[in-house]
Amino acid sequence: VNGCFSVNYDCTMYDSTRVAGNTKS
């Protein structure tokens, strides 16, 4: 966040436990 230069290769991110919303990602 806040304008980072982000490079992600061969990464896996599964489920969020957040209840709802655009940050359940």
mmCIF file of all heavy atoms, coordinates in Angstrom:
data_MODEL
# 
_entry.id   MODEL 
# 
loop_
_atom_site.group_PDB 
_atom_site.id 
_atom_site.type_symbol 
_atom_site.label_atom_id 
_atom_site.label_alt_id 
_atom_site.label_comp_id 
_atom_site.label_asym_id 
_atom_site.label_entity_id 
_atom_site.label_seq_id 
_atom_site.pdbx_PDB_ins_code 
_atom_site.Cartn_x 
_atom_site.Cartn_y 
_atom_site.Cartn_z 
_atom_site.occupancy 
_atom_site.B_iso_or_equiv 
_atom_site.pdbx_formal_charge 
_atom_site.auth_seq_id 
_atom_site.auth_comp_id 
_atom_site.auth_asym_id 
_atom_site.auth_atom_id 
_atom_site.pdbx_PDB_model_num 
ATOM 1   N N   . VAL A 1 1  ? 0.817   -1.211  0.000   1.00 0.00 ? 1  VAL A N   1 
ATOM 2   C CA  . VAL A 1 1  ? 0.000   0.000   0.000   1.00 0.00 ? 1  VAL A CA  1 
ATOM 3   C C   . VAL A 1 1  ? 0.852   1.263   0.000   1.00 0.00 ? 1  VAL A C   1 
ATOM 4   O O   . VAL A 1 1  ? 2.061   1.221   0.183   1.00 0.00 ? 1  VAL A O   1 
ATOM 5   C CB  . VAL A 1 1  ? -0.953  -0.004  1.216   1.00 0.00 ? 1  VAL A CB  1 
ATOM 6   C CG1 . VAL A 1 1  ? -1.888  -1.212  1.151   1.00 0.00 ? 1  VAL A CG1 1 
ATOM 7   C CG2 . VAL A 1 1  ? -0.186  -0.017  2.530   1.00 0.00 ? 1  VAL A CG2 1 
ATOM 8   N N   . ASN A 1 2  ? 0.179   2.390   -0.231  1.00 0.00 ? 2  ASN A N   1 
ATOM 9   C CA  . ASN A 1 2  ? 0.811   3.715   -0.284  1.00 0.00 ? 2  ASN A CA  1 
ATOM 10  C C   . ASN A 1 2  ? 1.769   3.846   -1.464  1.00 0.00 ? 2  ASN A C   1 
ATOM 11  O O   . ASN A 1 2  ? 2.814   4.485   -1.364  1.00 0.00 ? 2  ASN A O   1 
ATOM 12  C CB  . ASN A 1 2  ? 1.549   4.054   1.019   1.00 0.00 ? 2  ASN A CB  1 
ATOM 13  C CG  . ASN A 1 2  ? 0.777   3.709   2.279   1.00 0.00 ? 2  ASN A CG  1 
ATOM 14  O OD1 . ASN A 1 2  ? 1.336   3.132   3.197   1.00 0.00 ? 2  ASN A OD1 1 
ATOM 15  N ND2 . ASN A 1 2  ? -0.506  4.030   2.333   1.00 0.00 ? 2  ASN A ND2 1 
ATOM 16  N N   . GLY A 1 3  ? 1.420   3.205   -2.596  1.00 0.00 ? 3  GLY A N   1 
ATOM 17  C CA  . GLY A 1 3  ? 2.195   3.408   -3.812  1.00 0.00 ? 3  GLY A CA  1 
ATOM 18  C C   . GLY A 1 3  ? 3.462   2.602   -3.913  1.00 0.00 ? 3  GLY A C   1 
ATOM 19  O O   . GLY A 1 3  ? 4.467   3.078   -4.456  1.00 0.00 ? 3  GLY A O   1 
ATOM 20  N N   . CYS A 1 4  ? 3.466   1.372   -3.445  1.00 0.00 ? 4  CYS A N   1 
ATOM 21  C CA  . CYS A 1 4  ? 4.659   0.523   -3.535  1.00 0.00 ? 4  CYS A CA  1 
ATOM 22  C C   . CYS A 1 4  ? 4.895   0.028   -4.962  1.00 0.00 ? 4  CYS A C   1 
ATOM 23  O O   . CYS A 1 4  ? 3.974   -0.081  -5.762  1.00 0.00 ? 4  CYS A O   1 
ATOM 24  C CB  . CYS A 1 4  ? 4.513   -0.698  -2.625  1.00 0.00 ? 4  CYS A CB  1 
ATOM 25  S SG  . CYS A 1 4  ? 4.654   -0.323  -0.863  1.00 0.00 ? 4  CYS A SG  1 
ATOM 26  N N   . PHE A 1 5  ? 6.151   -0.305  -5.247  1.00 0.00 ? 5  PHE A N   1 
ATOM 27  C CA  . PHE A 1 5  ? 6.509   -1.044  -6.457  1.00 0.00 ? 5  PHE A CA  1 
ATOM 28  C C   . PHE A 1 5  ? 6.637   -2.492  -6.026  1.00 0.00 ? 5  PHE A C   1 
ATOM 29  O O   . PHE A 1 5  ? 7.598   -2.875  -5.343  1.00 0.00 ? 5  PHE A O   1 
ATOM 30  C CB  . PHE A 1 5  ? 7.812   -0.530  -7.062  1.00 0.00 ? 5  PHE A CB  1 
ATOM 31  C CG  . PHE A 1 5  ? 8.169   -1.197  -8.363  1.00 0.00 ? 5  PHE A CG  1 
ATOM 32  C CD1 . PHE A 1 5  ? 7.540   -0.827  -9.535  1.00 0.00 ? 5  PHE A CD1 1 
ATOM 33  C CD2 . PHE A 1 5  ? 9.123   -2.198  -8.406  1.00 0.00 ? 5  PHE A CD2 1 
ATOM 34  C CE1 . PHE A 1 5  ? 7.858   -1.451  -10.746 1.00 0.00 ? 5  PHE A CE1 1 
ATOM 35  C CE2 . PHE A 1 5  ? 9.452   -2.823  -9.603  1.00 0.00 ? 5  PHE A CE2 1 
ATOM 36  C CZ  . PHE A 1 5  ? 8.810   -2.449  -10.771 1.00 0.00 ? 5  PHE A CZ  1 
ATOM 37  N N   . SER A 1 6  ? 5.653   -3.298  -6.394  1.00 0.00 ? 6  SER A N   1 
ATOM 38  C CA  . SER A 1 6  ? 5.510   -4.649  -5.859  1.00 0.00 ? 6  SER A CA  1 
ATOM 39  C C   . SER A 1 6  ? 5.600   -5.677  -6.980  1.00 0.00 ? 6  SER A C   1 
ATOM 40  O O   . SER A 1 6  ? 4.824   -5.631  -7.927  1.00 0.00 ? 6  SER A O   1 
ATOM 41  C CB  . SER A 1 6  ? 4.156   -4.762  -5.140  1.00 0.00 ? 6  SER A CB  1 
ATOM 42  O OG  . SER A 1 6  ? 3.871   -6.088  -4.780  1.00 0.00 ? 6  SER A OG  1 
ATOM 43  N N   . VAL A 1 7  ? 6.551   -6.612  -6.857  1.00 0.00 ? 7  VAL A N   1 
ATOM 44  C CA  . VAL A 1 7  ? 6.699   -7.699  -7.827  1.00 0.00 ? 7  VAL A CA  1 
ATOM 45  C C   . VAL A 1 7  ? 6.592   -9.013  -7.066  1.00 0.00 ? 7  VAL A C   1 
ATOM 46  O O   . VAL A 1 7  ? 7.324   -9.252  -6.096  1.00 0.00 ? 7  VAL A O   1 
ATOM 47  C CB  . VAL A 1 7  ? 8.043   -7.623  -8.570  1.00 0.00 ? 7  VAL A CB  1 
ATOM 48  C CG1 . VAL A 1 7  ? 8.174   -8.783  -9.552  1.00 0.00 ? 7  VAL A CG1 1 
ATOM 49  C CG2 . VAL A 1 7  ? 8.180   -6.292  -9.297  1.00 0.00 ? 7  VAL A CG2 1 
ATOM 50  N N   . ASN A 1 8  ? 5.674   -9.872  -7.517  1.00 0.00 ? 8  ASN A N   1 
ATOM 51  C CA  . ASN A 1 8  ? 5.416   -11.135 -6.833  1.00 0.00 ? 8  ASN A CA  1 
ATOM 52  C C   . ASN A 1 8  ? 5.440   -12.268 -7.848  1.00 0.00 ? 8  ASN A C   1 
ATOM 53  O O   . ASN A 1 8  ? 4.689   -12.241 -8.825  1.00 0.00 ? 8  ASN A O   1 
ATOM 54  C CB  . ASN A 1 8  ? 4.067   -11.071 -6.139  1.00 0.00 ? 8  ASN A CB  1 
ATOM 55  C CG  . ASN A 1 8  ? 3.977   -9.877  -5.200  1.00 0.00 ? 8  ASN A CG  1 
ATOM 56  O OD1 . ASN A 1 8  ? 4.471   -9.926  -4.089  1.00 0.00 ? 8  ASN A OD1 1 
ATOM 57  N ND2 . ASN A 1 8  ? 3.372   -8.786  -5.662  1.00 0.00 ? 8  ASN A ND2 1 
ATOM 58  N N   . TYR A 1 9  ? 6.302   -13.261 -7.615  1.00 0.00 ? 9  TYR A N   1 
ATOM 59  C CA  . TYR A 1 9  ? 6.480   -14.358 -8.550  1.00 0.00 ? 9  TYR A CA  1 
ATOM 60  C C   . TYR A 1 9  ? 6.198   -15.696 -7.861  1.00 0.00 ? 9  TYR A C   1 
ATOM 61  O O   . TYR A 1 9  ? 6.765   -15.990 -6.797  1.00 0.00 ? 9  TYR A O   1 
ATOM 62  C CB  . TYR A 1 9  ? 7.907   -14.362 -9.114  1.00 0.00 ? 9  TYR A CB  1 
ATOM 63  C CG  . TYR A 1 9  ? 8.183   -15.528 -10.037 1.00 0.00 ? 9  TYR A CG  1 
ATOM 64  C CD1 . TYR A 1 9  ? 7.690   -15.531 -11.341 1.00 0.00 ? 9  TYR A CD1 1 
ATOM 65  C CD2 . TYR A 1 9  ? 8.896   -16.635 -9.590  1.00 0.00 ? 9  TYR A CD2 1 
ATOM 66  C CE1 . TYR A 1 9  ? 7.922   -16.616 -12.185 1.00 0.00 ? 9  TYR A CE1 1 
ATOM 67  C CE2 . TYR A 1 9  ? 9.133   -17.718 -10.426 1.00 0.00 ? 9  TYR A CE2 1 
ATOM 68  C CZ  . TYR A 1 9  ? 8.637   -17.700 -11.718 1.00 0.00 ? 9  TYR A CZ  1 
ATOM 69  O OH  . TYR A 1 9  ? 8.859   -18.777 -12.546 1.00 0.00 ? 9  TYR A OH  1 
ATOM 70  N N   . ASP A 1 10 ? 5.320   -16.488 -8.462  1.00 0.00 ? 10 ASP A N   1 
ATOM 71  C CA  . ASP A 1 10 ? 5.034   -17.837 -7.987  1.00 0.00 ? 10 ASP A CA  1 
ATOM 72  C C   . ASP A 1 10 ? 4.584   -17.832 -6.523  1.00 0.00 ? 10 ASP A C   1 
ATOM 73  O O   . ASP A 1 10 ? 4.978   -18.692 -5.728  1.00 0.00 ? 10 ASP A O   1 
ATOM 74  C CB  . ASP A 1 10 ? 6.266   -18.730 -8.159  1.00 0.00 ? 10 ASP A CB  1 
ATOM 75  C CG  . ASP A 1 10 ? 5.911   -20.216 -8.158  1.00 0.00 ? 10 ASP A CG  1 
ATOM 76  O OD1 . ASP A 1 10 ? 4.742   -20.546 -8.451  1.00 0.00 ? 10 ASP A OD1 1 
ATOM 77  O OD2 . ASP A 1 10 ? 6.792   -21.034 -7.827  1.00 0.00 ? 10 ASP A OD2 1 
ATOM 78  N N   . CYS A 1 11 ? 3.750   -16.866 -6.165  1.00 0.00 ? 11 CYS A N   1 
ATOM 79  C CA  . CYS A 1 11 ? 3.221   -16.765 -4.802  1.00 0.00 ? 11 CYS A CA  1 
ATOM 80  C C   . CYS A 1 11 ? 1.787   -17.297 -4.759  1.00 0.00 ? 11 CYS A C   1 
ATOM 81  O O   . CYS A 1 11 ? 1.052   -17.223 -5.749  1.00 0.00 ? 11 CYS A O   1 
ATOM 82  C CB  . CYS A 1 11 ? 3.243   -15.323 -4.319  1.00 0.00 ? 11 CYS A CB  1 
ATOM 83  S SG  . CYS A 1 11 ? 4.912   -14.640 -4.113  1.00 0.00 ? 11 CYS A SG  1 
ATOM 84  N N   . THR A 1 12 ? 1.386   -17.796 -3.598  1.00 0.00 ? 12 THR A N   1 
ATOM 85  C CA  . THR A 1 12 ? 0.032   -18.290 -3.397  1.00 0.00 ? 12 THR A CA  1 
ATOM 86  C C   . THR A 1 12 ? -0.534  -17.694 -2.117  1.00 0.00 ? 12 THR A C   1 
ATOM 87  O O   . THR A 1 12 ? 0.067   -17.845 -1.044  1.00 0.00 ? 12 THR A O   1 
ATOM 88  C CB  . THR A 1 12 ? 0.007   -19.826 -3.293  1.00 0.00 ? 12 THR A CB  1 
ATOM 89  O OG1 . THR A 1 12 ? 0.563   -20.392 -4.491  1.00 0.00 ? 12 THR A OG1 1 
ATOM 90  C CG2 . THR A 1 12 ? -1.422  -20.333 -3.116  1.00 0.00 ? 12 THR A CG2 1 
ATOM 91  N N   . MET A 1 13 ? -1.676  -17.022 -2.231  1.00 0.00 ? 13 MET A N   1 
ATOM 92  C CA  . MET A 1 13 ? -2.359  -16.442 -1.086  1.00 0.00 ? 13 MET A CA  1 
ATOM 93  C C   . MET A 1 13 ? -3.783  -16.983 -1.057  1.00 0.00 ? 13 MET A C   1 
ATOM 94  O O   . MET A 1 13 ? -4.553  -16.764 -1.998  1.00 0.00 ? 13 MET A O   1 
ATOM 95  C CB  . MET A 1 13 ? -2.363  -14.915 -1.185  1.00 0.00 ? 13 MET A CB  1 
ATOM 96  C CG  . MET A 1 13 ? -0.975  -14.306 -1.217  1.00 0.00 ? 13 MET A CG  1 
ATOM 97  S SD  . MET A 1 13 ? -0.109  -14.436 0.361   1.00 0.00 ? 13 MET A SD  1 
ATOM 98  C CE  . MET A 1 13 ? 1.606   -14.618 -0.193  1.00 0.00 ? 13 MET A CE  1 
ATOM 99  N N   . TYR A 1 14 ? -4.122  -17.694 0.004   1.00 0.00 ? 14 TYR A N   1 
ATOM 100 C CA  . TYR A 1 14 ? -5.412  -18.373 0.082   1.00 0.00 ? 14 TYR A CA  1 
ATOM 101 C C   . TYR A 1 14 ? -6.481  -17.452 0.681   1.00 0.00 ? 14 TYR A C   1 
ATOM 102 O O   . TYR A 1 14 ? -6.480  -16.250 0.463   1.00 0.00 ? 14 TYR A O   1 
ATOM 103 C CB  . TYR A 1 14 ? -5.273  -19.662 0.894   1.00 0.00 ? 14 TYR A CB  1 
ATOM 104 C CG  . TYR A 1 14 ? -4.407  -20.705 0.240   1.00 0.00 ? 14 TYR A CG  1 
ATOM 105 C CD1 . TYR A 1 14 ? -3.104  -20.925 0.679   1.00 0.00 ? 14 TYR A CD1 1 
ATOM 106 C CD2 . TYR A 1 14 ? -4.890  -21.488 -0.808  1.00 0.00 ? 14 TYR A CD2 1 
ATOM 107 C CE1 . TYR A 1 14 ? -2.312  -21.900 0.081   1.00 0.00 ? 14 TYR A CE1 1 
ATOM 108 C CE2 . TYR A 1 14 ? -4.102  -22.457 -1.403  1.00 0.00 ? 14 TYR A CE2 1 
ATOM 109 C CZ  . TYR A 1 14 ? -2.804  -22.662 -0.948  1.00 0.00 ? 14 TYR A CZ  1 
ATOM 110 O OH  . TYR A 1 14 ? -2.015  -23.613 -1.533  1.00 0.00 ? 14 TYR A OH  1 
ATOM 111 N N   . ASP A 1 15 ? -7.370  -18.006 1.479   1.00 0.00 ? 15 ASP A N   1 
ATOM 112 C CA  . ASP A 1 15 ? -8.540  -17.270 1.968   1.00 0.00 ? 15 ASP A CA  1 
ATOM 113 C C   . ASP A 1 15 ? -8.219  -16.322 3.114   1.00 0.00 ? 15 ASP A C   1 
ATOM 114 O O   . ASP A 1 15 ? -7.422  -16.625 4.003   1.00 0.00 ? 15 ASP A O   1 
ATOM 115 C CB  . ASP A 1 15 ? -9.623  -18.251 2.428   1.00 0.00 ? 15 ASP A CB  1 
ATOM 116 C CG  . ASP A 1 15 ? -10.294 -18.926 1.242   1.00 0.00 ? 15 ASP A CG  1 
ATOM 117 O OD1 . ASP A 1 15 ? -10.800 -18.208 0.376   1.00 0.00 ? 15 ASP A OD1 1 
ATOM 118 O OD2 . ASP A 1 15 ? -10.289 -20.167 1.197   1.00 0.00 ? 15 ASP A OD2 1 
ATOM 119 N N   . SER A 1 16 ? -8.926  -15.202 3.095   1.00 0.00 ? 16 SER A N   1 
ATOM 120 C CA  . SER A 1 16 ? -8.920  -14.251 4.198   1.00 0.00 ? 16 SER A CA  1 
ATOM 121 C C   . SER A 1 16 ? -10.022 -14.625 5.178   1.00 0.00 ? 16 SER A C   1 
ATOM 122 O O   . SER A 1 16 ? -11.093 -15.082 4.782   1.00 0.00 ? 16 SER A O   1 
ATOM 123 C CB  . SER A 1 16 ? -9.163  -12.841 3.655   1.00 0.00 ? 16 SER A CB  1 
ATOM 124 O OG  . SER A 1 16 ? -9.499  -11.948 4.703   1.00 0.00 ? 16 SER A OG  1 
ATOM 125 N N   . THR A 1 17 ? -9.775  -14.401 6.461   1.00 0.00 ? 17 THR A N   1 
ATOM 126 C CA  . THR A 1 17 ? -10.800 -14.667 7.478   1.00 0.00 ? 17 THR A CA  1 
ATOM 127 C C   . THR A 1 17 ? -11.628 -13.429 7.792   1.00 0.00 ? 17 THR A C   1 
ATOM 128 O O   . THR A 1 17 ? -12.495 -13.475 8.668   1.00 0.00 ? 17 THR A O   1 
ATOM 129 C CB  . THR A 1 17 ? -10.155 -15.183 8.777   1.00 0.00 ? 17 THR A CB  1 
ATOM 130 O OG1 . THR A 1 17 ? -9.217  -14.209 9.260   1.00 0.00 ? 17 THR A OG1 1 
ATOM 131 C CG2 . THR A 1 17 ? -9.438  -16.502 8.535   1.00 0.00 ? 17 THR A CG2 1 
ATOM 132 N N   . ARG A 1 18 ? -11.360 -12.342 7.076   1.00 0.00 ? 18 ARG A N   1 
ATOM 133 C CA  . ARG A 1 18 ? -12.135 -11.114 7.294   1.00 0.00 ? 18 ARG A CA  1 
ATOM 134 C C   . ARG A 1 18 ? -13.598 -11.365 6.933   1.00 0.00 ? 18 ARG A C   1 
ATOM 135 O O   . ARG A 1 18 ? -13.911 -12.141 6.028   1.00 0.00 ? 18 ARG A O   1 
ATOM 136 C CB  . ARG A 1 18 ? -11.561 -9.994  6.439   1.00 0.00 ? 18 ARG A CB  1 
ATOM 137 C CG  . ARG A 1 18 ? -12.020 -8.605  6.864   1.00 0.00 ? 18 ARG A CG  1 
ATOM 138 C CD  . ARG A 1 18 ? -11.071 -7.566  6.300   1.00 0.00 ? 18 ARG A CD  1 
ATOM 139 N NE  . ARG A 1 18 ? -11.433 -6.223  6.680   1.00 0.00 ? 18 ARG A NE  1 
ATOM 140 C CZ  . ARG A 1 18 ? -11.180 -5.688  7.868   1.00 0.00 ? 18 ARG A CZ  1 
ATOM 141 N NH1 . ARG A 1 18 ? -10.571 -6.418  8.784   1.00 0.00 ? 18 ARG A NH1 1 
ATOM 142 N NH2 . ARG A 1 18 ? -11.522 -4.457  8.157   1.00 0.00 ? 18 ARG A NH2 1 
ATOM 143 N N   . VAL A 1 19 ? -14.520 -10.702 7.642   1.00 0.00 ? 19 VAL A N   1 
ATOM 144 C CA  . VAL A 1 19 ? -15.943 -10.991 7.459   1.00 0.00 ? 19 VAL A CA  1 
ATOM 145 C C   . VAL A 1 19 ? -16.407 -10.631 6.057   1.00 0.00 ? 19 VAL A C   1 
ATOM 146 O O   . VAL A 1 19 ? -17.047 -11.418 5.376   1.00 0.00 ? 19 VAL A O   1 
ATOM 147 C CB  . VAL A 1 19 ? -16.780 -10.253 8.527   1.00 0.00 ? 19 VAL A CB  1 
ATOM 148 C CG1 . VAL A 1 19 ? -18.269 -10.456 8.258   1.00 0.00 ? 19 VAL A CG1 1 
ATOM 149 C CG2 . VAL A 1 19 ? -16.420 -10.758 9.918   1.00 0.00 ? 19 VAL A CG2 1 
ATOM 150 N N   . ALA A 1 20 ? -16.093 -9.415  5.603   1.00 0.00 ? 20 ALA A N   1 
ATOM 151 C CA  . ALA A 1 20 ? -16.568 -8.969  4.285   1.00 0.00 ? 20 ALA A CA  1 
ATOM 152 C C   . ALA A 1 20 ? -15.813 -7.702  3.888   1.00 0.00 ? 20 ALA A C   1 
ATOM 153 O O   . ALA A 1 20 ? -15.028 -7.154  4.653   1.00 0.00 ? 20 ALA A O   1 
ATOM 154 C CB  . ALA A 1 20 ? -18.071 -8.700  4.318   1.00 0.00 ? 20 ALA A CB  1 
ATOM 155 N N   . GLY A 1 21 ? -16.066 -7.242  2.640   1.00 0.00 ? 21 GLY A N   1 
ATOM 156 C CA  . GLY A 1 21 ? -15.491 -5.985  2.178   1.00 0.00 ? 21 GLY A CA  1 
ATOM 157 C C   . GLY A 1 21 ? -14.391 -6.180  1.158   1.00 0.00 ? 21 GLY A C   1 
ATOM 158 O O   . GLY A 1 21 ? -13.934 -7.297  0.902   1.00 0.00 ? 21 GLY A O   1 
ATOM 159 N N   . ASN A 1 22 ? -13.939 -5.069  0.563   1.00 0.00 ? 22 ASN A N   1 
ATOM 160 C CA  . ASN A 1 22 ? -12.945 -5.168  -0.502  1.00 0.00 ? 22 ASN A CA  1 
ATOM 161 C C   . ASN A 1 22 ? -11.564 -5.578  0.017   1.00 0.00 ? 22 ASN A C   1 
ATOM 162 O O   . ASN A 1 22 ? -10.687 -5.934  -0.763  1.00 0.00 ? 22 ASN A O   1 
ATOM 163 C CB  . ASN A 1 22 ? -12.857 -3.857  -1.289  1.00 0.00 ? 22 ASN A CB  1 
ATOM 164 C CG  . ASN A 1 22 ? -12.379 -2.696  -0.433  1.00 0.00 ? 22 ASN A CG  1 
ATOM 165 O OD1 . ASN A 1 22 ? -12.282 -2.808  0.782   1.00 0.00 ? 22 ASN A OD1 1 
ATOM 166 N ND2 . ASN A 1 22 ? -12.107 -1.570  -1.070  1.00 0.00 ? 22 ASN A ND2 1 
ATOM 167 N N   . THR A 1 23 ? -11.361 -5.526  1.336   1.00 0.00 ? 23 THR A N   1 
ATOM 168 C CA  . THR A 1 23 ? -10.079 -5.984  1.884   1.00 0.00 ? 23 THR A CA  1 
ATOM 169 C C   . THR A 1 23 ? -10.122 -7.459  2.284   1.00 0.00 ? 23 THR A C   1 
ATOM 170 O O   . THR A 1 23 ? -9.158  -7.965  2.849   1.00 0.00 ? 23 THR A O   1 
ATOM 171 C CB  . THR A 1 23 ? -9.664  -5.136  3.095   1.00 0.00 ? 23 THR A CB  1 
ATOM 172 O OG1 . THR A 1 23 ? -10.711 -5.129  4.064   1.00 0.00 ? 23 THR A OG1 1 
ATOM 173 C CG2 . THR A 1 23 ? -9.354  -3.705  2.663   1.00 0.00 ? 23 THR A CG2 1 
ATOM 174 N N   . LYS A 1 24 ? -11.218 -8.141  1.999   1.00 0.00 ? 24 LYS A N   1 
ATOM 175 C CA  . LYS A 1 24 ? -11.246 -9.603  2.138   1.00 0.00 ? 24 LYS A CA  1 
ATOM 176 C C   . LYS A 1 24 ? -10.695 -10.160 0.830   1.00 0.00 ? 24 LYS A C   1 
ATOM 177 O O   . LYS A 1 24 ? -11.436 -10.548 -0.078  1.00 0.00 ? 24 LYS A O   1 
ATOM 178 C CB  . LYS A 1 24 ? -12.666 -10.100 2.396   1.00 0.00 ? 24 LYS A CB  1 
ATOM 179 C CG  . LYS A 1 24 ? -12.774 -11.604 2.660   1.00 0.00 ? 24 LYS A CG  1 
ATOM 180 C CD  . LYS A 1 24 ? -14.215 -11.992 2.975   1.00 0.00 ? 24 LYS A CD  1 
ATOM 181 C CE  . LYS A 1 24 ? -14.362 -13.504 3.147   1.00 0.00 ? 24 LYS A CE  1 
ATOM 182 N NZ  . LYS A 1 24 ? -13.577 -14.024 4.301   1.00 0.00 ? 24 LYS A NZ  1 
ATOM 183 N N   . SER A 1 25 ? -9.386  -10.149 0.721   1.00 0.00 ? 25 SER A N   1 
ATOM 184 C CA  . SER A 1 25 ? -8.738  -10.345 -0.569  1.00 0.00 ? 25 SER A CA  1 
ATOM 185 C C   . SER A 1 25 ? -7.423  -11.101 -0.396  1.00 0.00 ? 25 SER A C   1 
ATOM 186 O O   . SER A 1 25 ? -6.747  -10.970 0.623   1.00 0.00 ? 25 SER A O   1 
ATOM 187 C CB  . SER A 1 25 ? -8.477  -8.974  -1.205  1.00 0.00 ? 25 SER A CB  1 
ATOM 188 O OG  . SER A 1 25 ? -7.869  -9.092  -2.459  1.00 0.00 ? 25 SER A OG  1 
# 
